Amino acid sequence: MASQTNLKFLAALLFCVDDSVAAAQQREERPDKRNYTLFNPTPEAYLRELSADRPDKTESPFTVDAGHFQLEMDVVNLTYNSPNDERPNTRSTSVEIAPMNLKVGLLNDLDFQLVFTPYNWERTDVGGDVEHKSGFDGITPRLKLNVVGNDGGPFALALLPFVRLPLSQDDLGNNSVEGGVAIPLAFDVAGWEVALQTAFEFNRDDTGDAYHLEVDNSISVGHSLFGRLSGYVEFFGGVSTEGGAGWVGTVDTWLTYDVNRNFRLDAGVYIGVTDAADDWHPWIGLTWRH
């Protein structure tokens, strides 16, 4: 009897030791990064996997590590619309050169972002009456606060408030301050990238001085194809409380190629599936972290 008791005690002791070792290894794998700031950067060895708010409409819930910078940019993109019931007799084309999002990690779970387009060219043909516009197109400051899951866990969630400032040239914008908040969410699914988002925006009416609420929802799914190449598909829907506004729906698809852990290339297209959506929006772009 005493021998059996000793064996049970020894087994329990070994289990506790194994559990303590596993916990210690887990703590070593996930160091406490709360003390890192803009002025005390996160060491290279502790950086998260590269994550970007582009090229899809579904933002990432992960922030840029404290003290590090990230550039997310379309090298060039095109938007094309043909006439339909939503915009009869109207055909439009626009080209954006180097629209970008500049990010800096302020704290472990907080980054600051600045979104703008250095040059935008637009051509609109309404029944043969052609109008051209071009120039700098707006500035949108944003903050991203990760609420949970930034450095591991079954899911991650963030809050991303933003404001669009009326700083466009050649009447490219509507000369109004607009803003809102996005709520991105990602799940840890083995072998897959699964992300969702709901966003609330307060935008100026197309006519008049009033504002209206717009609600966007999206889901993005990605999977490694081979090597460093991955493929993605996204479903996006947006509804507006403005009178007469149509439902915006798109199916988006793209490829990414990880050159290294800090540099990624991508290319893809948004495809409109409702009359209120843009017909085609192809792009090529990149993400770079320092």
C-alpha atoms as a PDB file:
ATOM      1  CA  MET A   1       0.000   0.000   0.000  1.00  0.00           C
ATOM      2  CA  ALA A   2       2.787   2.404   0.904  1.00  0.00           C
ATOM      3  CA  SER A   3       4.524   1.572  -2.370  1.00  0.00           C
ATOM      4  CA  GLN A   4       1.380   2.400  -4.354  1.00  0.00           C
ATOM      5  CA  THR A   5       0.977   5.696  -2.468  1.00  0.00           C
ATOM      6  CA  ASN A   6       4.590   6.631  -3.204  1.00  0.00           C
ATOM      7  CA  LEU A   7       4.097   5.857  -6.901  1.00  0.00           C
ATOM      8  CA  LYS A   8       0.960   8.031  -7.029  1.00  0.00           C
ATOM      9  CA  PHE A   9       2.824  10.871  -5.285  1.00  0.00           C
ATOM     10  CA  LEU A  10       5.762  10.555  -7.699  1.00  0.00           C
ATOM     11  CA  ALA A  11       3.415  10.564 -10.724  1.00  0.00           C
ATOM     12  CA  ALA A  12       1.613  13.656  -9.431  1.00  0.00           C
ATOM     13  CA  LEU A  13       4.961  15.393  -8.809  1.00  0.00           C
ATOM     14  CA  LEU A  14       6.171  14.601 -12.341  1.00  0.00           C
ATOM     15  CA  PHE A  15       2.905  15.912 -13.778  1.00  0.00           C
ATOM     16  CA  CYS A  16       3.282  19.194 -11.874  1.00  0.00           C
ATOM     17  CA  VAL A  17       6.881  19.540 -13.020  1.00  0.00           C
ATOM     18  CA  ASP A  18       5.916  18.896 -16.657  1.00  0.00           C
ATOM     19  CA  ASP A  19       3.068  21.397 -16.360  1.00  0.00           C
ATOM     20  CA  SER A  20       5.400  24.026 -14.877  1.00  0.00           C
ATOM     21  CA  VAL A  21       7.965  23.479 -17.631  1.00  0.00           C
ATOM     22  CA  ALA A  22       5.276  23.804 -20.303  1.00  0.00           C
ATOM     23  CA  ALA A  23       3.994  27.015 -18.706  1.00  0.00           C
ATOM     24  CA  ALA A  24       7.523  28.420 -18.525  1.00  0.00           C
ATOM     25  CA  GLN A  25       8.110  27.575 -22.189  1.00  0.00           C
ATOM     26  CA  GLN A  26       4.859  29.266 -23.119  1.00  0.00           C
ATOM     27  CA  ARG A  27       5.867  32.400 -21.186  1.00  0.00           C
ATOM     28  CA  GLU A  28       9.217  32.349 -22.957  1.00  0.00           C
ATOM     29  CA  GLU A  29       7.520  32.026 -26.346  1.00  0.00           C
ATOM     30  CA  ARG A  30       5.126  34.886 -25.551  1.00  0.00           C
ATOM     31  CA  PRO A  31       7.140  37.535 -23.711  1.00  0.00           C
ATOM     32  CA  ASP A  32       5.476  40.445 -21.946  1.00  0.00           C
ATOM     33  CA  LYS A  33       5.642  43.242 -24.530  1.00  0.00           C
ATOM     34  CA  ARG A  34       3.646  45.860 -22.621  1.00  0.00           C
ATOM     35  CA  ASN A  35       6.731  47.908 -21.740  1.00  0.00           C
ATOM     36  CA  TYR A  36       7.667  48.544 -25.378  1.00  0.00           C
ATOM     37  CA  THR A  37       6.727  51.956 -26.789  1.00  0.00           C
ATOM     38  CA  LEU A  38       7.453  54.250 -29.716  1.00  0.00           C
ATOM     39  CA  PHE A  39      10.679  55.263 -27.956  1.00  0.00           C
ATOM     40  CA  ASN A  40      11.504  51.766 -26.678  1.00  0.00           C
ATOM     41  CA  PRO A  41      10.938  49.614 -29.792  1.00  0.00           C
ATOM     42  CA  THR A  42       9.950  45.967 -29.725  1.00  0.00           C
ATOM     43  CA  PRO A  43      13.028  43.776 -30.462  1.00  0.00           C
ATOM     44  CA  GLU A  44      13.123  42.197 -33.910  1.00  0.00           C
ATOM     45  CA  ALA A  45      12.857  38.697 -32.435  1.00  0.00           C
ATOM     46  CA  TYR A  46       9.502  39.542 -30.813  1.00  0.00           C
ATOM     47  CA  LEU A  47       7.772  41.051 -33.855  1.00  0.00           C
ATOM     48  CA  ARG A  48       4.401  39.663 -34.848  1.00  0.00           C
ATOM     49  CA  GLU A  49       3.787  38.060 -38.212  1.00  0.00           C
ATOM     50  CA  LEU A  50       3.406  40.749 -40.887  1.00  0.00           C
ATOM     51  CA  SER A  51      -0.236  41.849 -41.063  1.00  0.00           C
ATOM     52  CA  ALA A  52      -1.780  44.633 -43.143  1.00  0.00           C
ATOM     53  CA  ASP A  53      -5.077  46.506 -43.498  1.00  0.00           C
ATOM     54  CA  ARG A  54      -4.851  46.027 -47.237  1.00  0.00           C
ATOM     55  CA  PRO A  55      -5.458  44.947 -49.919  1.00  0.00           C
ATOM     56  CA  ASP A  56      -8.911  43.789 -48.820  1.00  0.00           C
ATOM     57  CA  LYS A  57     -11.678  45.968 -47.361  1.00  0.00           C
ATOM     58  CA  THR A  58     -11.545  43.879 -44.163  1.00  0.00           C
ATOM     59  CA  GLU A  59      -9.026  45.551 -41.869  1.00  0.00           C
ATOM     60  CA  SER A  60      -6.598  43.583 -39.706  1.00  0.00           C
ATOM     61  CA  PRO A  61      -7.180  43.518 -35.916  1.00  0.00           C
ATOM     62  CA  PHE A  62      -3.401  43.338 -35.326  1.00  0.00           C
ATOM     63  CA  THR A  63      -1.383  46.497 -34.659  1.00  0.00           C
ATOM     64  CA  VAL A  64       2.130  47.408 -35.762  1.00  0.00           C
ATOM     65  CA  ASP A  65       4.608  46.552 -33.005  1.00  0.00           C
ATOM     66  CA  ALA A  66       5.680  49.466 -30.805  1.00  0.00           C
ATOM     67  CA  GLY A  67       8.467  51.599 -32.263  1.00  0.00           C
ATOM     68  CA  HIS A  68       8.151  50.141 -35.774  1.00  0.00           C
ATOM     69  CA  PHE A  69       6.888  51.666 -39.027  1.00  0.00           C
ATOM     70  CA  GLN A  70       4.824  50.097 -41.789  1.00  0.00           C
ATOM     71  CA  LEU A  71       4.013  51.222 -45.333  1.00  0.00           C
ATOM     72  CA  GLU A  72       0.947  49.734 -47.044  1.00  0.00           C
ATOM     73  CA  MET A  73       0.451  50.962 -50.605  1.00  0.00           C
ATOM     74  CA  ASP A  74      -1.125  50.344 -53.969  1.00  0.00           C
ATOM     75  CA  VAL A  75       1.533  51.051 -56.563  1.00  0.00           C
ATOM     76  CA  VAL A  76      -1.357  51.840 -58.904  1.00  0.00           C
ATOM     77  CA  ASN A  77      -5.061  51.002 -59.115  1.00  0.00           C
ATOM     78  CA  LEU A  78      -7.923  51.527 -61.556  1.00  0.00           C
ATOM     79  CA  THR A  79     -11.675  51.992 -61.007  1.00  0.00           C
ATOM     80  CA  TYR A  80     -14.057  51.581 -63.947  1.00  0.00           C
ATOM     81  CA  ASN A  81     -17.838  52.040 -64.050  1.00  0.00           C
ATOM     82  CA  SER A  82     -20.210  51.600 -66.994  1.00  0.00           C
ATOM     83  CA  PRO A  83     -23.813  52.885 -67.195  1.00  0.00           C
ATOM     84  CA  ASN A  84     -26.536  50.958 -65.343  1.00  0.00           C
ATOM     85  CA  ASP A  85     -29.865  51.579 -63.607  1.00  0.00           C
ATOM     86  CA  GLU A  86     -28.085  53.197 -60.642  1.00  0.00           C
ATOM     87  CA  ARG A  87     -26.068  55.629 -62.821  1.00  0.00           C
ATOM     88  CA  PRO A  88     -27.764  55.896 -66.264  1.00  0.00           C
ATOM     89  CA  ASN A  89     -25.764  57.471 -69.111  1.00  0.00           C
ATOM     90  CA  THR A  90     -22.707  57.708 -66.849  1.00  0.00           C
ATOM     91  CA  ARG A  91     -19.330  56.151 -67.540  1.00  0.00           C
ATOM     92  CA  SER A  92     -16.362  56.859 -65.255  1.00  0.00           C
ATOM     93  CA  THR A  93     -12.719  55.899 -64.935  1.00  0.00           C
ATOM     94  CA  SER A  94     -10.235  56.813 -62.226  1.00  0.00           C
ATOM     95  CA  VAL A  95      -6.579  55.991 -61.628  1.00  0.00           C
ATOM     96  CA  GLU A  96      -4.840  56.368 -58.281  1.00  0.00           C
ATOM     97  CA  ILE A  97      -1.059  56.555 -58.044  1.00  0.00           C
ATOM     98  CA  ALA A  98       0.509  55.283 -54.807  1.00  0.00           C
ATOM     99  CA  PRO A  99      -2.471  55.550 -52.403  1.00  0.00           C
ATOM    100  CA  MET A 100      -0.935  54.606 -49.079  1.00  0.00           C
ATOM    101  CA  ASN A 101      -1.362  53.975 -45.387  1.00  0.00           C
ATOM    102  CA  LEU A 102       1.586  55.041 -43.213  1.00  0.00           C
ATOM    103  CA  LYS A 103       1.605  53.376 -39.782  1.00  0.00           C
ATOM    104  CA  VAL A 104       3.648  53.706 -36.614  1.00  0.00           C
ATOM    105  CA  GLY A 105       3.390  51.558 -33.478  1.00  0.00           C
ATOM    106  CA  LEU A 106       2.842  53.779 -30.435  1.00  0.00           C
ATOM    107  CA  LEU A 107       2.314  51.077 -27.803  1.00  0.00           C
ATOM    108  CA  ASN A 108       2.173  47.296 -27.939  1.00  0.00           C
ATOM    109  CA  ASP A 109      -1.566  47.373 -28.682  1.00  0.00           C
ATOM    110  CA  LEU A 110      -1.948  50.822 -30.280  1.00  0.00           C
ATOM    111  CA  ASP A 111      -0.806  52.269 -33.592  1.00  0.00           C
ATOM    112  CA  PHE A 112      -1.401  55.520 -35.497  1.00  0.00           C
ATOM    113  CA  GLN A 113      -2.164  55.587 -39.215  1.00  0.00           C
ATOM    114  CA  LEU A 114      -2.295  58.214 -41.945  1.00  0.00           C
ATOM    115  CA  VAL A 115      -4.138  57.328 -45.165  1.00  0.00           C
ATOM    116  CA  PHE A 116      -3.891  59.507 -48.286  1.00  0.00           C
ATOM    117  CA  THR A 117      -3.622  59.442 -52.083  1.00  0.00           C
ATOM    118  CA  PRO A 118      -0.803  61.570 -53.572  1.00  0.00           C
ATOM    119  CA  TYR A 119      -2.397  61.657 -57.025  1.00  0.00           C
ATOM    120  CA  ASN A 120      -5.848  60.751 -58.309  1.00  0.00           C
ATOM    121  CA  TRP A 121      -7.071  61.185 -61.907  1.00  0.00           C
ATOM    122  CA  GLU A 122     -10.793  60.971 -62.715  1.00  0.00           C
ATOM    123  CA  ARG A 123     -12.749  61.076 -65.965  1.00  0.00           C
ATOM    124  CA  THR A 124     -16.566  61.150 -65.909  1.00  0.00           C
ATOM    125  CA  ASP A 125     -18.734  61.036 -69.030  1.00  0.00           C
ATOM    126  CA  VAL A 126     -22.421  61.863 -68.478  1.00  0.00           C
ATOM    127  CA  GLY A 127     -24.273  61.634 -71.790  1.00  0.00           C
ATOM    128  CA  GLY A 128     -21.304  62.989 -73.708  1.00  0.00           C
ATOM    129  CA  ASP A 129     -20.504  65.766 -71.209  1.00  0.00           C
ATOM    130  CA  VAL A 130     -16.960  64.883 -70.078  1.00  0.00           C
ATOM    131  CA  GLU A 131     -15.370  66.182 -66.857  1.00  0.00           C
ATOM    132  CA  HIS A 132     -11.765  65.677 -65.705  1.00  0.00           C
ATOM    133  CA  LYS A 133     -10.379  66.058 -62.178  1.00  0.00           C
ATOM    134  CA  SER A 134      -6.921  65.336 -60.805  1.00  0.00           C
ATOM    135  CA  GLY A 135      -4.651  65.996 -57.841  1.00  0.00           C
ATOM    136  CA  PHE A 136      -4.059  65.157 -54.199  1.00  0.00           C
ATOM    137  CA  ASP A 137      -7.013  63.296 -52.699  1.00  0.00           C
ATOM    138  CA  GLY A 138      -7.661  63.613 -48.985  1.00  0.00           C
ATOM    139  CA  ILE A 139      -6.126  62.666 -45.652  1.00  0.00           C
ATOM    140  CA  THR A 140      -7.602  60.178 -43.173  1.00  0.00           C
ATOM    141  CA  PRO A 141      -5.964  59.896 -39.712  1.00  0.00           C
ATOM    142  CA  ARG A 142      -6.763  56.631 -37.910  1.00  0.00           C
ATOM    143  CA  LEU A 143      -5.996  54.917 -34.595  1.00  0.00           C
ATOM    144  CA  LYS A 144      -6.094  51.170 -34.086  1.00  0.00           C
ATOM    145  CA  LEU A 145      -6.513  49.730 -30.593  1.00  0.00           C
ATOM    146  CA  ASN A 146      -6.241  45.964 -30.268  1.00  0.00           C
ATOM    147  CA  VAL A 147      -8.626  44.795 -27.559  1.00  0.00           C
ATOM    148  CA  VAL A 148      -7.697  41.106 -27.452  1.00  0.00           C
ATOM    149  CA  GLY A 149      -5.518  38.577 -29.264  1.00  0.00           C
ATOM    150  CA  ASN A 150      -2.696  40.778 -30.524  1.00  0.00           C
ATOM    151  CA  ASP A 151       0.010  38.288 -29.511  1.00  0.00           C
ATOM    152  CA  GLY A 152      -1.840  34.984 -29.579  1.00  0.00           C
ATOM    153  CA  GLY A 153      -5.143  33.374 -28.751  1.00  0.00           C
ATOM    154  CA  PRO A 154      -8.157  31.872 -30.557  1.00  0.00           C
ATOM    155  CA  PHE A 155      -9.286  35.228 -31.954  1.00  0.00           C
ATOM    156  CA  ALA A 156      -8.293  38.901 -32.169  1.00  0.00           C
ATOM    157  CA  LEU A 157     -10.458  42.032 -32.114  1.00  0.00           C
ATOM    158  CA  ALA A 158      -9.686  45.731 -32.519  1.00  0.00           C
ATOM    159  CA  LEU A 159     -11.351  49.147 -32.637  1.00  0.00           C
ATOM    160  CA  LEU A 160     -10.324  51.432 -35.493  1.00  0.00           C
ATOM    161  CA  PRO A 161     -11.780  54.978 -35.339  1.00  0.00           C
ATOM    162  CA  PHE A 162     -11.032  57.306 -38.264  1.00  0.00           C
ATOM    163  CA  VAL A 163     -11.830  60.761 -39.634  1.00  0.00           C
ATOM    164  CA  ARG A 164     -11.608  61.947 -43.259  1.00  0.00           C
ATOM    165  CA  LEU A 165     -10.392  65.514 -43.633  1.00  0.00           C
ATOM    166  CA  PRO A 166     -11.518  67.681 -46.613  1.00  0.00           C
ATOM    167  CA  LEU A 167      -8.049  68.332 -48.032  1.00  0.00           C
ATOM    168  CA  SER A 168      -8.518  67.199 -51.640  1.00  0.00           C
ATOM    169  CA  GLN A 169      -7.604  69.193 -54.743  1.00  0.00           C
ATOM    170  CA  ASP A 170      -9.750  70.003 -57.796  1.00  0.00           C
ATOM    171  CA  ASP A 171     -13.044  69.110 -56.026  1.00  0.00           C
ATOM    172  CA  LEU A 172     -12.093  65.420 -55.833  1.00  0.00           C
ATOM    173  CA  GLY A 173     -13.786  65.186 -52.439  1.00  0.00           C
ATOM    174  CA  ASN A 174     -17.035  66.616 -51.074  1.00  0.00           C
ATOM    175  CA  ASN A 175     -15.331  69.243 -48.854  1.00  0.00           C
ATOM    176  CA  SER A 176     -16.789  67.671 -45.712  1.00  0.00           C
ATOM    177  CA  VAL A 177     -15.432  66.075 -42.561  1.00  0.00           C
ATOM    178  CA  GLU A 178     -16.566  62.460 -42.344  1.00  0.00           C
ATOM    179  CA  GLY A 179     -15.673  59.610 -40.014  1.00  0.00           C
ATOM    180  CA  GLY A 180     -16.597  56.451 -38.224  1.00  0.00           C
ATOM    181  CA  VAL A 181     -15.256  53.324 -36.589  1.00  0.00           C
ATOM    182  CA  ALA A 182     -14.382  49.855 -37.906  1.00  0.00           C
ATOM    183  CA  ILE A 183     -14.406  46.684 -35.772  1.00  0.00           C
ATOM    184  CA  PRO A 184     -12.148  44.024 -37.349  1.00  0.00           C
ATOM    185  CA  LEU A 185     -12.084  40.452 -36.046  1.00  0.00           C
ATOM    186  CA  ALA A 186      -9.824  37.514 -36.962  1.00  0.00           C
ATOM    187  CA  PHE A 187      -9.963  33.844 -35.957  1.00  0.00           C
ATOM    188  CA  ASP A 188      -7.070  31.435 -35.456  1.00  0.00           C
ATOM    189  CA  VAL A 189      -8.008  28.578 -37.805  1.00  0.00           C
ATOM    190  CA  ALA A 190      -5.218  26.111 -38.623  1.00  0.00           C
ATOM    191  CA  GLY A 191      -4.046  26.557 -42.201  1.00  0.00           C
ATOM    192  CA  TRP A 192      -6.513  29.367 -42.951  1.00  0.00           C
ATOM    193  CA  GLU A 193      -6.829  33.127 -42.512  1.00  0.00           C
ATOM    194  CA  VAL A 194     -10.377  34.084 -41.551  1.00  0.00           C
ATOM    195  CA  ALA A 195     -11.347  37.690 -40.840  1.00  0.00           C
ATOM    196  CA  LEU A 196     -14.589  39.647 -40.478  1.00  0.00           C
ATOM    197  CA  GLN A 197     -15.448  43.298 -40.050  1.00  0.00           C
ATOM    198  CA  THR A 198     -18.331  45.629 -39.308  1.00  0.00           C
ATOM    199  CA  ALA A 199     -17.864  49.365 -39.868  1.00  0.00           C
ATOM    200  CA  PHE A 200     -20.067  52.368 -39.104  1.00  0.00           C
ATOM    201  CA  GLU A 201     -19.513  55.562 -41.111  1.00  0.00           C
ATOM    202  CA  PHE A 202     -21.145  59.004 -40.911  1.00  0.00           C
ATOM    203  CA  ASN A 203     -20.926  60.515 -44.391  1.00  0.00           C
ATOM    204  CA  ARG A 204     -22.221  63.630 -46.123  1.00  0.00           C
ATOM    205  CA  ASP A 205     -25.336  63.256 -48.278  1.00  0.00           C
ATOM    206  CA  ASP A 206     -24.804  63.425 -52.035  1.00  0.00           C
ATOM    207  CA  THR A 207     -27.182  66.408 -52.055  1.00  0.00           C
ATOM    208  CA  GLY A 208     -27.656  68.874 -49.208  1.00  0.00           C
ATOM    209  CA  ASP A 209     -25.754  69.434 -45.971  1.00  0.00           C
ATOM    210  CA  ALA A 210     -27.140  66.530 -43.918  1.00  0.00           C
ATOM    211  CA  TYR A 211     -25.236  63.402 -42.890  1.00  0.00           C
ATOM    212  CA  HIS A 212     -26.299  59.782 -43.010  1.00  0.00           C
ATOM    213  CA  LEU A 213     -25.149  56.466 -41.523  1.00  0.00           C
ATOM    214  CA  GLU A 214     -23.554  53.744 -43.631  1.00  0.00           C
ATOM    215  CA  VAL A 215     -22.938  50.211 -42.324  1.00  0.00           C
ATOM    216  CA  ASP A 216     -20.429  47.890 -44.015  1.00  0.00           C
ATOM    217  CA  ASN A 217     -19.898  44.189 -43.398  1.00  0.00           C
ATOM    218  CA  SER A 218     -17.261  41.902 -44.894  1.00  0.00           C
ATOM    219  CA  ILE A 219     -15.689  38.477 -44.547  1.00  0.00           C
ATOM    220  CA  SER A 220     -12.276  37.496 -45.904  1.00  0.00           C
ATOM    221  CA  VAL A 221     -10.829  33.983 -46.223  1.00  0.00           C
ATOM    222  CA  GLY A 222      -7.290  33.086 -47.277  1.00  0.00           C
ATOM    223  CA  HIS A 223      -5.137  29.976 -47.680  1.00  0.00           C
ATOM    224  CA  SER A 224      -1.564  29.219 -48.656  1.00  0.00           C
ATOM    225  CA  LEU A 225      -1.347  27.961 -52.252  1.00  0.00           C
ATOM    226  CA  PHE A 226       2.284  26.912 -52.404  1.00  0.00           C
ATOM    227  CA  GLY A 227       5.495  28.240 -50.918  1.00  0.00           C
ATOM    228  CA  ARG A 228       5.147  31.931 -50.067  1.00  0.00           C
ATOM    229  CA  LEU A 229       2.148  32.480 -52.358  1.00  0.00           C
ATOM    230  CA  SER A 230      -1.335  32.757 -50.830  1.00  0.00           C
ATOM    231  CA  GLY A 231      -4.799  33.299 -52.307  1.00  0.00           C
ATOM    232  CA  TYR A 232      -7.804  35.117 -50.847  1.00  0.00           C
ATOM    233  CA  VAL A 233     -11.463  35.842 -51.483  1.00  0.00           C
ATOM    234  CA  GLU A 234     -13.682  38.425 -49.791  1.00  0.00           C
ATOM    235  CA  PHE A 235     -17.394  39.207 -49.747  1.00  0.00           C
ATOM    236  CA  PHE A 236     -18.328  42.829 -48.986  1.00  0.00           C
ATOM    237  CA  GLY A 237     -21.702  44.509 -48.472  1.00  0.00           C
ATOM    238  CA  GLY A 238     -22.529  48.111 -47.636  1.00  0.00           C
ATOM    239  CA  VAL A 239     -25.903  49.742 -46.928  1.00  0.00           C
ATOM    240  CA  SER A 240     -26.741  53.419 -46.514  1.00  0.00           C
ATOM    241  CA  THR A 241     -29.565  55.213 -44.701  1.00  0.00           C
ATOM    242  CA  GLU A 242     -29.517  57.990 -47.313  1.00  0.00           C
ATOM    243  CA  GLY A 243     -32.733  58.067 -49.326  1.00  0.00           C
ATOM    244  CA  GLY A 244     -32.466  56.386 -52.719  1.00  0.00           C
ATOM    245  CA  ALA A 245     -29.038  54.860 -52.043  1.00  0.00           C
ATOM    246  CA  GLY A 246     -28.487  51.362 -53.390  1.00  0.00           C
ATOM    247  CA  TRP A 247     -26.834  48.378 -51.750  1.00  0.00           C
ATOM    248  CA  VAL A 248     -23.116  48.053 -52.515  1.00  0.00           C
ATOM    249  CA  GLY A 249     -21.916  44.490 -52.960  1.00  0.00           C
ATOM    250  CA  THR A 250     -18.554  43.209 -54.211  1.00  0.00           C
ATOM    251  CA  VAL A 251     -16.664  39.940 -54.554  1.00  0.00           C
ATOM    252  CA  ASP A 252     -12.931  40.529 -54.158  1.00  0.00           C
ATOM    253  CA  THR A 253     -10.006  38.237 -54.863  1.00  0.00           C
ATOM    254  CA  TRP A 254      -6.221  38.618 -54.732  1.00  0.00           C
ATOM    255  CA  LEU A 255      -2.838  36.943 -54.364  1.00  0.00           C
ATOM    256  CA  THR A 256      -0.014  37.785 -51.954  1.00  0.00           C
ATOM    257  CA  TYR A 257       3.657  36.797 -52.092  1.00  0.00           C
ATOM    258  CA  ASP A 258       5.857  37.103 -48.984  1.00  0.00           C
ATOM    259  CA  VAL A 259       9.322  38.157 -50.179  1.00  0.00           C
ATOM    260  CA  ASN A 260      10.515  37.993 -46.552  1.00  0.00           C
ATOM    261  CA  ARG A 261       9.039  38.504 -43.081  1.00  0.00           C
ATOM    262  CA  ASN A 262       8.923  42.284 -43.565  1.00  0.00           C
ATOM    263  CA  PHE A 263       8.019  42.676 -47.254  1.00  0.00           C
ATOM    264  CA  ARG A 264       4.958  41.471 -49.183  1.00  0.00           C
ATOM    265  CA  LEU A 265       3.661  41.955 -52.734  1.00  0.00           C
ATOM    266  CA  ASP A 266       0.019  41.636 -53.805  1.00  0.00           C
ATOM    267  CA  ALA A 267      -2.303  41.996 -56.773  1.00  0.00           C
ATOM    268  CA  GLY A 268      -6.032  41.509 -57.224  1.00  0.00           C
ATOM    269  CA  VAL A 269      -9.408  42.944 -58.173  1.00  0.00           C
ATOM    270  CA  TYR A 270     -12.686  44.061 -56.559  1.00  0.00           C
ATOM    271  CA  ILE A 271     -15.670  43.015 -58.701  1.00  0.00           C
ATOM    272  CA  GLY A 272     -18.994  44.803 -58.261  1.00  0.00           C
ATOM    273  CA  VAL A 273     -22.066  42.551 -58.111  1.00  0.00           C
ATOM    274  CA  THR A 274     -24.697  45.281 -57.544  1.00  0.00           C
ATOM    275  CA  ASP A 275     -25.507  48.411 -59.558  1.00  0.00           C
ATOM    276  CA  ALA A 276     -24.375  50.738 -56.750  1.00  0.00           C
ATOM    277  CA  ALA A 277     -20.904  49.152 -56.587  1.00  0.00           C
ATOM    278  CA  ASP A 278     -17.893  49.999 -58.756  1.00  0.00           C
ATOM    279  CA  ASP A 279     -17.736  47.554 -61.680  1.00  0.00           C
ATOM    280  CA  TRP A 280     -13.999  46.804 -61.615  1.00  0.00           C
ATOM    281  CA  HIS A 281     -11.153  47.842 -59.334  1.00  0.00           C
ATOM    282  CA  PRO A 282      -7.859  46.041 -60.116  1.00  0.00           C
ATOM    283  CA  TRP A 283      -4.611  46.920 -58.309  1.00  0.00           C
ATOM    284  CA  ILE A 284      -1.026  45.936 -57.591  1.00  0.00           C
ATOM    285  CA  GLY A 285       0.584  46.825 -54.274  1.00  0.00           C
ATOM    286  CA  LEU A 286       2.923  46.074 -51.407  1.00  0.00           C
ATOM    287  CA  THR A 287       3.427  46.071 -47.636  1.00  0.00           C
ATOM    288  CA  TRP A 288       6.808  46.899 -46.030  1.00  0.00           C
ATOM    289  CA  ARG A 289       7.740  46.998 -42.341  1.00  0.00           C
ATOM    290  CA  HIS A 290      10.766  48.527 -40.681  1.00  0.00           C
END
